[in-house]
Amino acid sequence: MTTPHYQFCHSILIGSEANVQSSYLQSVERSKDVVAEKSTTIQQLKTKVSQLELERAQLQDNIYEAEQALRLTVKDREHMSVYVKTLSSAFEQV
C-alpha cells in the first residue's frame, strides 16, 4: 500500500525525469541545428574555395598570355628597329 507522501514524492520524481528528458531533447535538437548550420557553412566555404582556385588558375593563364604577348611585342620591336636601320642605310647609299 502506498502512502500519499510516497505518491507525492514519486510524482515529483517522475515530473523531474520528464523535465530532464525534455531539456535533454531540446539540447539535442539545438545541437543538431547548430551542426546543420555549420555543415551548410562548410559546404558554402568549400564552394567558394573552389571558385577562388578556378579564378586563380584563370588569372595565372592570363598572366602567362600577357607575358607571351609582351615577349612577342619586344621581338617585333627589335625586328622593326633592324628594318628601319636597314632602310636608313639603303637611303643613305642612294
C-alpha atoms as a PDB file:
ATOM      1  CA  MET A   1       0.000   0.000   0.000  1.00  0.00           C
ATOM      2  CA  THR A   2       1.374   3.378  -0.979  1.00  0.00           C
ATOM      3  CA  THR A   3       1.074   6.405   1.181  1.00  0.00           C
ATOM      4  CA  PRO A   4       0.029   9.805  -0.092  1.00  0.00           C
ATOM      5  CA  HIS A   5       3.515  11.098   0.752  1.00  0.00           C
ATOM      6  CA  TYR A   6       5.086   8.341  -1.384  1.00  0.00           C
ATOM      7  CA  GLN A   7       2.756   9.125  -4.269  1.00  0.00           C
ATOM      8  CA  PHE A   8       3.590  12.816  -4.000  1.00  0.00           C
ATOM      9  CA  CYS A   9       7.359  12.145  -3.996  1.00  0.00           C
ATOM     10  CA  HIS A  10       7.005   9.654  -6.823  1.00  0.00           C
ATOM     11  CA  SER A  11       5.085  12.145  -8.967  1.00  0.00           C
ATOM     12  CA  ILE A  12       7.740  14.812  -8.293  1.00  0.00           C
ATOM     13  CA  LEU A  13      10.493  12.396  -9.362  1.00  0.00           C
ATOM     14  CA  ILE A  14       8.597  11.403 -12.492  1.00  0.00           C
ATOM     15  CA  GLY A  15       7.982  15.068 -13.266  1.00  0.00           C
ATOM     16  CA  SER A  16      11.661  15.835 -12.734  1.00  0.00           C
ATOM     17  CA  GLU A  17      12.652  12.976 -15.033  1.00  0.00           C
ATOM     18  CA  ALA A  18      10.285  14.270 -17.664  1.00  0.00           C
ATOM     19  CA  ASN A  19      11.778  17.754 -17.345  1.00  0.00           C
ATOM     20  CA  VAL A  20      15.306  16.358 -17.599  1.00  0.00           C
ATOM     21  CA  GLN A  21      14.373  14.314 -20.660  1.00  0.00           C
ATOM     22  CA  SER A  22      12.627  17.302 -22.207  1.00  0.00           C
ATOM     23  CA  SER A  23      15.654  19.519 -21.552  1.00  0.00           C
ATOM     24  CA  TYR A  24      17.942  16.850 -22.954  1.00  0.00           C
ATOM     25  CA  LEU A  25      15.842  16.508 -26.109  1.00  0.00           C
ATOM     26  CA  GLN A  26      15.767  20.273 -26.574  1.00  0.00           C
ATOM     27  CA  SER A  27      19.534  20.391 -26.148  1.00  0.00           C
ATOM     28  CA  VAL A  28      19.973  17.605 -28.696  1.00  0.00           C
ATOM     29  CA  GLU A  29      17.696  19.404 -31.156  1.00  0.00           C
ATOM     30  CA  ARG A  30      19.628  22.670 -30.728  1.00  0.00           C
ATOM     31  CA  SER A  31      22.890  20.795 -31.218  1.00  0.00           C
ATOM     32  CA  LYS A  32      21.553  19.175 -34.385  1.00  0.00           C
ATOM     33  CA  ASP A  33      20.530  22.605 -35.686  1.00  0.00           C
ATOM     34  CA  VAL A  34      23.983  24.028 -34.931  1.00  0.00           C
ATOM     35  CA  VAL A  35      25.661  21.091 -36.673  1.00  0.00           C
ATOM     36  CA  ALA A  36      23.389  21.502 -39.703  1.00  0.00           C
ATOM     37  CA  GLU A  37      24.200  25.246 -39.886  1.00  0.00           C
ATOM     38  CA  LYS A  38      27.920  24.579 -39.611  1.00  0.00           C
ATOM     39  CA  SER A  39      27.703  21.877 -42.241  1.00  0.00           C
ATOM     40  CA  THR A  40      25.961  24.315 -44.588  1.00  0.00           C
ATOM     41  CA  THR A  41      28.602  26.955 -43.861  1.00  0.00           C
ATOM     42  CA  ILE A  42      31.402  24.471 -44.548  1.00  0.00           C
ATOM     43  CA  GLN A  43      29.813  23.467 -47.848  1.00  0.00           C
ATOM     44  CA  GLN A  44      29.473  27.125 -48.854  1.00  0.00           C
ATOM     45  CA  LEU A  45      33.112  27.753 -47.958  1.00  0.00           C
ATOM     46  CA  LYS A  46      34.222  24.726 -49.974  1.00  0.00           C
ATOM     47  CA  THR A  47      32.275  26.059 -52.960  1.00  0.00           C
ATOM     48  CA  LYS A  48      33.864  29.495 -52.530  1.00  0.00           C
ATOM     49  CA  VAL A  49      37.358  27.982 -52.264  1.00  0.00           C
ATOM     50  CA  SER A  50      36.743  26.019 -55.477  1.00  0.00           C
ATOM     51  CA  GLN A  51      35.627  29.202 -57.237  1.00  0.00           C
ATOM     52  CA  LEU A  52      38.669  31.094 -55.985  1.00  0.00           C
ATOM     53  CA  GLU A  53      41.001  28.314 -57.120  1.00  0.00           C
ATOM     54  CA  LEU A  54      39.410  28.410 -60.565  1.00  0.00           C
ATOM     55  CA  GLU A  55      39.761  32.205 -60.722  1.00  0.00           C
ATOM     56  CA  ARG A  56      43.390  31.893 -59.618  1.00  0.00           C
ATOM     57  CA  ALA A  57      44.114  29.412 -62.401  1.00  0.00           C
ATOM     58  CA  GLN A  58      42.434  31.692 -64.938  1.00  0.00           C
ATOM     59  CA  LEU A  59      44.464  34.670 -63.707  1.00  0.00           C
ATOM     60  CA  GLN A  60      47.673  32.659 -63.995  1.00  0.00           C
ATOM     61  CA  ASP A  61      46.719  31.768 -67.572  1.00  0.00           C
ATOM     62  CA  ASN A  62      46.003  35.430 -68.320  1.00  0.00           C
ATOM     63  CA  ILE A  63      49.365  36.455 -66.873  1.00  0.00           C
ATOM     64  CA  TYR A  64      51.138  33.821 -68.965  1.00  0.00           C
ATOM     65  CA  GLU A  65      49.364  35.001 -72.124  1.00  0.00           C
ATOM     66  CA  ALA A  66      50.191  38.642 -71.324  1.00  0.00           C
ATOM     67  CA  GLU A  67      53.859  37.759 -70.803  1.00  0.00           C
ATOM     68  CA  GLN A  68      53.900  35.937 -74.148  1.00  0.00           C
ATOM     69  CA  ALA A  69      52.316  38.943 -75.847  1.00  0.00           C
ATOM     70  CA  LEU A  70      54.915  41.265 -74.299  1.00  0.00           C
ATOM     71  CA  ARG A  71      57.757  38.998 -75.459  1.00  0.00           C
ATOM     72  CA  LEU A  72      56.314  38.965 -78.965  1.00  0.00           C
ATOM     73  CA  THR A  73      55.981  42.752 -78.909  1.00  0.00           C
ATOM     74  CA  VAL A  74      59.626  43.126 -77.863  1.00  0.00           C
ATOM     75  CA  LYS A  75      60.725  40.825 -80.709  1.00  0.00           C
ATOM     76  CA  ASP A  76      58.555  42.729 -83.196  1.00  0.00           C
ATOM     77  CA  ARG A  77      60.056  45.995 -81.971  1.00  0.00           C
ATOM     78  CA  GLU A  78      63.568  44.611 -82.394  1.00  0.00           C
ATOM     79  CA  HIS A  79      62.744  43.414 -85.925  1.00  0.00           C
ATOM     80  CA  MET A  80      61.199  46.781 -86.739  1.00  0.00           C
ATOM     81  CA  SER A  81      64.286  48.556 -85.449  1.00  0.00           C
ATOM     82  CA  VAL A  82      66.559  46.413 -87.635  1.00  0.00           C
ATOM     83  CA  TYR A  83      64.276  47.041 -90.629  1.00  0.00           C
ATOM     84  CA  VAL A  84      64.327  50.820 -90.082  1.00  0.00           C
ATOM     85  CA  LYS A  85      68.117  50.793 -89.779  1.00  0.00           C
ATOM     86  CA  THR A  86      68.346  48.788 -92.998  1.00  0.00           C
ATOM     87  CA  LEU A  87      66.095  51.280 -94.801  1.00  0.00           C
ATOM     88  CA  SER A  88      68.078  54.195 -93.431  1.00  0.00           C
ATOM     89  CA  SER A  89      71.301  52.640 -94.699  1.00  0.00           C
ATOM     90  CA  ALA A  90      69.735  51.970 -98.085  1.00  0.00           C
ATOM     91  CA  PHE A  91      68.538  55.565 -98.437  1.00  0.00           C
ATOM     92  CA  GLU A  92      71.914  56.927 -97.370  1.00  0.00           C
ATOM     93  CA  GLN A  93      73.561  54.942-100.131  1.00  0.00           C
ATOM     94  CA  VAL A  94      71.247  56.365-102.758  1.00  0.00           C
END
